[in-house]
Amino acid sequence: MAKYNSEKASKFWSKRLKSTDPLAAVLTYNAPKALNFAYDLWEKEALKSALPKNLKGKMALDIGSGIGRIALTLARLGLDVSAVDISAEMLGHLEKTSRKEKLGNRISPVQASSAELPFKEQSFEIATCFGLLEHLPEEVRRKTILEAFRVMKPNGKMFVAVNNVDCVFLKKNYPMKSQSEDGYFVTLVGLEWLEKVCKANRMKMKTIANNPMYALNHYFVFPERKTYFGNEQNFARFCRNSMKYDLSASLESPGLNNLASHFMVRIA
């Protein structure tokens, strides 16, 4: 496999943001807004329900921050957030949003590689990494996780979203074997890979959420949404209700786990 070119990746993501709406740029490029909105809401609500209490004034790190979906969520909860991304365009969008919401004093955008974080050891109580690992080849991905462990405080917690490699829908579309000429790369990164990295570094990992209804909507319902729902408003309402189901569903059901496209995990 050719060496991963981070400069090409940076240009790709900056260009992608200019080519579509912000959520589509960092989630699913050709999906309707309702579907991306539902996934975004699932991640945010699952994270908020799992975060420790009394976070005001504590330090958080959002790795692969993109447009700042998660960084802004953490800042709204009172955390002081370092938002790291490789794309200057993405961070510029985050800065504009944070100023608009008067959260600029809580968010520090940092352009850097996730595999070389410019922070001292044990700097953060909370770390998040959503929507990034699947866009990194294995060597860079491993370094990213190890860097996150390095900058976390001993009692800190990290939250990560990974793919479900057993998902019946995802298997058809992934992975890429090497980075494309324009800088894009995507693969599947599952629980097993992350658990091996955690165990090797004496970190404990626990699955805290999954999204079977979102995956069903994305890969089965979405292509036929006009037939099923008649209009985009009805489809949007269905997506919101599905998100609520995913947040309340049991993680013990093998059937649901096989449908889910993503898992959220907590590492401590």
Protein backbone atom coordinates (compact mmCIF):
# COMPACT_ATOMS: atom_id res chain seq x y z
CA MET A 1 0.00 0.00 0.00
CA ALA A 2 1.28 3.48 -0.89
CA LYS A 3 2.15 5.75 2.00
CA TYR A 4 -0.75 7.83 3.30
CA ASN A 5 -0.49 11.45 2.15
CA SER A 6 -1.95 13.72 4.84
CA GLU A 7 -1.61 16.83 2.67
CA LYS A 8 -3.77 15.26 -0.01
CA ALA A 9 -6.28 14.23 2.64
CA SER A 10 -6.43 17.79 3.98
CA LYS A 11 -7.13 19.18 0.52
CA PHE A 12 -9.77 16.53 -0.13
CA TRP A 13 -11.78 17.36 3.00
CA SER A 14 -11.49 21.10 2.47
CA LYS A 15 -12.73 20.71 -1.09
CA ARG A 16 -15.53 18.39 0.00
CA LEU A 17 -16.86 20.97 2.47
CA LYS A 18 -17.12 23.52 -0.34
CA SER A 19 -19.04 21.09 -2.55
CA THR A 20 -22.05 20.27 -0.37
CA ASP A 21 -23.85 21.13 2.87
CA PRO A 22 -21.76 20.80 6.06
CA LEU A 23 -23.35 17.64 7.44
CA ALA A 24 -23.10 15.81 4.12
CA ALA A 25 -19.45 16.83 3.89
CA VAL A 26 -18.55 14.94 7.08
CA LEU A 27 -21.23 12.23 7.10
CA THR A 28 -22.82 10.63 4.01
CA TYR A 29 -22.15 12.72 0.93
CA ASN A 30 -25.20 11.86 -1.19
CA ALA A 31 -27.72 11.22 1.58
CA PRO A 32 -30.78 13.41 2.17
CA LYS A 33 -30.46 15.94 4.98
CA ALA A 34 -32.96 14.07 7.17
CA LEU A 35 -30.80 10.95 7.22
CA ASN A 36 -27.58 12.79 8.09
CA PHE A 37 -29.45 14.82 10.69
CA ALA A 38 -30.71 11.62 12.33
CA TYR A 39 -27.23 10.09 12.48
CA ASP A 40 -25.73 13.30 13.83
CA LEU A 41 -28.40 13.42 16.52
CA TRP A 42 -27.83 9.75 17.43
CA GLU A 43 -24.12 10.37 18.04
CA LYS A 44 -24.70 13.53 20.07
CA GLU A 45 -27.46 12.12 22.25
CA ALA A 46 -25.68 8.80 22.84
CA LEU A 47 -22.56 10.69 23.85
CA LYS A 48 -24.37 13.10 26.16
CA SER A 49 -26.12 10.24 27.96
CA ALA A 50 -22.77 8.52 28.60
CA LEU A 51 -20.68 11.51 29.69
CA PRO A 52 -19.82 11.99 33.36
CA LYS A 53 -21.66 14.69 35.30
CA ASN A 54 -20.25 18.06 36.39
CA LEU A 55 -18.09 18.69 33.33
CA LYS A 56 -18.04 22.49 33.41
CA GLY A 57 -14.53 23.88 33.03
CA LYS A 58 -12.88 20.51 32.36
CA MET A 59 -10.69 19.89 29.32
CA ALA A 60 -11.88 17.93 26.30
CA LEU A 61 -10.23 16.88 23.06
CA ASP A 62 -12.21 16.27 19.85
CA ILE A 63 -10.04 14.38 17.34
CA GLY A 64 -11.06 14.73 13.69
CA SER A 65 -13.39 17.54 14.62
CA GLY A 66 -14.51 18.42 11.09
CA ILE A 67 -17.20 21.09 11.16
CA GLY A 68 -17.34 20.77 14.96
CA ARG A 69 -20.46 18.67 15.49
CA ILE A 70 -19.05 17.07 18.64
CA ALA A 71 -16.77 19.92 19.74
CA LEU A 72 -19.74 22.27 19.84
CA THR A 73 -21.79 19.70 21.75
CA LEU A 74 -19.06 19.41 24.38
CA ALA A 75 -18.66 23.19 24.62
CA ARG A 76 -22.40 23.63 25.16
CA LEU A 77 -22.05 21.30 28.16
CA GLY A 78 -19.42 23.60 29.66
CA LEU A 79 -16.22 21.82 28.61
CA ASP A 80 -13.18 23.67 27.25
CA VAL A 81 -12.52 21.93 23.94
CA SER A 82 -9.44 21.55 21.75
CA ALA A 83 -10.81 20.71 18.30
CA VAL A 84 -8.21 18.99 16.11
CA ASP A 85 -8.61 18.53 12.38
CA ILE A 86 -6.34 18.25 9.36
CA SER A 87 -8.50 20.56 7.22
CA ALA A 88 -8.21 24.33 7.60
CA GLU A 89 -11.53 24.75 5.80
CA MET A 90 -13.32 22.52 8.30
CA LEU A 91 -11.82 24.38 11.24
CA GLY A 92 -12.77 27.70 9.67
CA HIS A 93 -16.38 26.55 9.54
CA LEU A 94 -16.18 25.52 13.19
CA GLU A 95 -14.78 28.91 14.19
CA LYS A 96 -17.65 30.73 12.47
CA THR A 97 -20.23 28.54 14.17
CA SER A 98 -18.62 28.86 17.60
CA ARG A 99 -18.54 32.66 17.30
CA LYS A 100 -22.17 32.71 16.20
CA GLU A 101 -23.14 30.64 19.24
CA LYS A 102 -20.84 32.70 21.49
CA LEU A 103 -18.79 29.61 22.32
CA GLY A 104 -15.51 30.88 20.93
CA ASN A 105 -13.99 31.16 24.40
CA ARG A 106 -14.60 27.44 24.98
CA ILE A 107 -13.30 26.06 21.66
CA SER A 108 -9.71 26.13 20.42
CA PRO A 109 -9.38 24.95 16.79
CA VAL A 110 -6.06 23.20 16.12
CA GLN A 111 -4.91 22.17 12.65
CA ALA A 112 -2.80 19.04 13.14
CA SER A 113 -2.51 15.37 12.30
CA SER A 114 -4.43 13.07 14.62
CA ALA A 115 -1.31 10.87 14.73
CA GLU A 116 0.85 13.71 16.10
CA LEU A 117 -1.20 15.64 18.64
CA PRO A 118 0.47 18.88 19.81
CA PHE A 119 -0.45 18.46 23.48
CA LYS A 120 1.32 17.43 26.67
CA GLU A 121 0.69 14.09 28.33
CA GLN A 122 -2.37 13.76 30.55
CA SER A 123 -4.02 17.00 29.40
CA PHE A 124 -7.67 15.98 28.95
CA GLU A 125 -10.47 14.49 31.03
CA ILE A 126 -12.58 13.71 27.94
CA ALA A 127 -11.55 12.69 24.41
CA THR A 128 -13.82 11.99 21.43
CA CYS A 129 -13.12 10.52 18.00
CA PHE A 130 -16.12 10.16 15.68
CA GLY A 131 -16.13 9.70 11.93
CA LEU A 132 -12.34 9.64 11.62
CA LEU A 133 -10.83 6.17 12.14
CA GLU A 134 -12.41 4.66 9.02
CA HIS A 135 -10.69 7.33 6.94
CA LEU A 136 -7.22 6.42 8.18
CA PRO A 137 -5.01 3.50 7.09
CA GLU A 138 -4.10 1.08 9.87
CA GLU A 139 -0.72 2.56 10.83
CA VAL A 140 -2.05 6.14 11.11
CA ARG A 141 -5.19 4.91 12.86
CA ARG A 142 -3.19 3.06 15.50
CA LYS A 143 -0.99 6.10 16.12
CA THR A 144 -4.12 8.22 16.50
CA ILE A 145 -5.50 5.99 19.26
CA LEU A 146 -2.14 5.82 21.03
CA GLU A 147 -1.83 9.60 20.89
CA ALA A 148 -5.28 9.92 22.41
CA PHE A 149 -4.27 7.59 25.24
CA ARG A 150 -1.10 9.63 25.79
CA VAL A 151 -2.92 12.94 26.28
CA MET A 152 -5.76 11.54 28.42
CA LYS A 153 -5.60 11.96 32.18
CA PRO A 154 -5.44 8.73 34.25
CA ASN A 155 -9.13 9.01 35.15
CA GLY A 156 -10.13 10.29 31.71
CA LYS A 157 -12.65 8.76 29.33
CA MET A 158 -12.56 8.45 25.56
CA PHE A 159 -15.58 7.96 23.30
CA VAL A 160 -15.16 6.47 19.84
CA ALA A 161 -17.49 5.48 17.00
CA VAL A 162 -16.50 2.40 14.98
CA ASN A 163 -18.10 0.42 12.17
CA ASN A 164 -19.91 -2.86 12.55
CA VAL A 165 -17.86 -5.16 10.32
CA ASP A 166 -20.68 -7.74 10.47
CA CYS A 167 -23.33 -5.31 9.22
CA VAL A 168 -25.12 -6.91 6.28
CA PHE A 169 -25.32 -3.53 4.53
CA LEU A 170 -21.75 -2.28 4.94
CA LYS A 171 -20.01 -5.34 3.52
CA LYS A 172 -21.06 -4.40 0.00
CA ASN A 173 -19.37 -1.00 -0.02
CA TYR A 174 -16.01 -1.30 1.77
CA PRO A 175 -13.08 -1.21 2.03
CA MET A 176 -10.63 0.74 -0.15
CA LYS A 177 -7.18 -0.82 -0.35
CA SER A 178 -5.29 2.43 -0.74
CA GLN A 179 -5.75 6.19 -0.69
CA SER A 180 -7.21 7.55 -3.92
CA GLU A 181 -5.39 10.14 -5.99
CA ASP A 182 -7.62 12.93 -4.71
CA GLY A 183 -6.74 12.08 -1.08
CA TYR A 184 -9.83 10.11 -0.05
CA PHE A 185 -9.56 6.89 1.94
CA VAL A 186 -12.17 4.75 3.68
CA THR A 187 -12.26 1.28 5.17
CA LEU A 188 -14.07 -0.60 7.93
CA VAL A 189 -12.80 -0.30 11.50
CA GLY A 190 -14.59 -2.58 13.92
CA LEU A 191 -14.79 -3.41 17.59
CA GLU A 192 -12.24 -6.22 17.39
CA TRP A 193 -9.48 -3.98 16.01
CA LEU A 194 -10.08 -1.30 18.62
CA GLU A 195 -10.30 -3.81 21.46
CA LYS A 196 -6.89 -5.25 20.54
CA VAL A 197 -5.33 -1.80 20.70
CA CYS A 198 -7.02 -1.12 24.03
CA LYS A 199 -5.93 -4.41 25.59
CA ALA A 200 -2.35 -3.92 24.43
CA ASN A 201 -2.34 -0.60 26.28
CA ARG A 202 -4.25 -1.78 29.38
CA MET A 203 -7.36 0.23 28.54
CA LYS A 204 -10.89 -1.10 29.04
CA MET A 205 -13.51 -0.72 26.33
CA LYS A 206 -17.28 -0.95 26.63
CA THR A 207 -19.94 -0.70 23.89
CA ILE A 208 -22.57 1.85 24.93
CA ALA A 209 -24.78 2.39 21.84
CA ASN A 210 -25.62 1.09 18.38
CA ASN A 211 -27.87 2.18 15.50
CA PRO A 212 -29.77 -0.66 13.74
CA MET A 213 -32.73 1.51 12.68
CA TYR A 214 -30.44 4.17 11.22
CA ALA A 215 -28.62 1.52 9.17
CA LEU A 216 -31.90 0.07 7.95
CA ASN A 217 -33.07 3.53 6.91
CA HIS A 218 -29.76 4.37 5.25
CA TYR A 219 -29.22 1.24 3.19
CA PHE A 220 -32.76 -0.01 2.59
CA VAL A 221 -35.41 2.65 3.18
CA PHE A 222 -33.55 5.71 1.85
CA PRO A 223 -33.42 4.56 -1.81
CA GLU A 224 -37.20 3.95 -1.77
CA ARG A 225 -38.22 6.78 0.54
CA LYS A 226 -40.54 8.54 -1.94
CA THR A 227 -42.39 5.30 -2.57
CA TYR A 228 -42.79 4.56 1.14
CA PHE A 229 -43.39 8.03 2.55
CA GLY A 230 -44.59 10.22 -0.31
CA ASN A 231 -42.54 13.28 0.66
CA GLU A 232 -39.34 14.30 2.44
CA GLN A 233 -41.19 15.65 5.48
CA ASN A 234 -42.67 12.24 6.28
CA PHE A 235 -39.29 10.60 5.72
CA ALA A 236 -37.64 13.12 8.06
CA ARG A 237 -40.21 12.37 10.76
CA PHE A 238 -39.57 8.64 10.38
CA CYS A 239 -35.80 9.18 10.68
CA ARG A 240 -36.21 11.16 13.90
CA ASN A 241 -38.41 8.47 15.43
CA SER A 242 -35.94 5.79 14.36
CA MET A 243 -33.12 7.66 16.08
CA LYS A 244 -35.12 7.65 19.31
CA TYR A 245 -35.55 3.88 19.00
CA ASP A 246 -31.81 3.38 18.50
CA LEU A 247 -31.07 5.35 21.65
CA SER A 248 -33.43 3.21 23.72
CA ALA A 249 -32.78 -0.23 22.16
CA SER A 250 -31.02 -3.00 24.07
CA LEU A 251 -27.44 -3.86 23.10
CA GLU A 252 -28.07 -7.51 23.99
CA SER A 253 -29.99 -8.39 20.81
CA PRO A 254 -27.77 -10.21 18.24
CA GLY A 255 -30.27 -9.43 15.49
CA LEU A 256 -30.09 -5.69 16.11
CA ASN A 257 -26.32 -5.78 16.43
CA ASN A 258 -26.02 -7.42 13.01
CA LEU A 259 -28.10 -4.66 11.45
CA ALA A 260 -26.33 -1.72 13.11
CA SER A 261 -23.75 0.09 11.01
CA HIS A 262 -21.98 1.73 13.96
CA PHE A 263 -21.14 1.15 17.59
CA MET A 264 -20.21 3.81 20.11
CA VAL A 265 -17.72 2.73 22.75
CA ARG A 266 -16.30 4.18 25.95
CA ILE A 267 -12.62 3.66 26.73
CA ALA A 268 -11.17 4.23 30.20
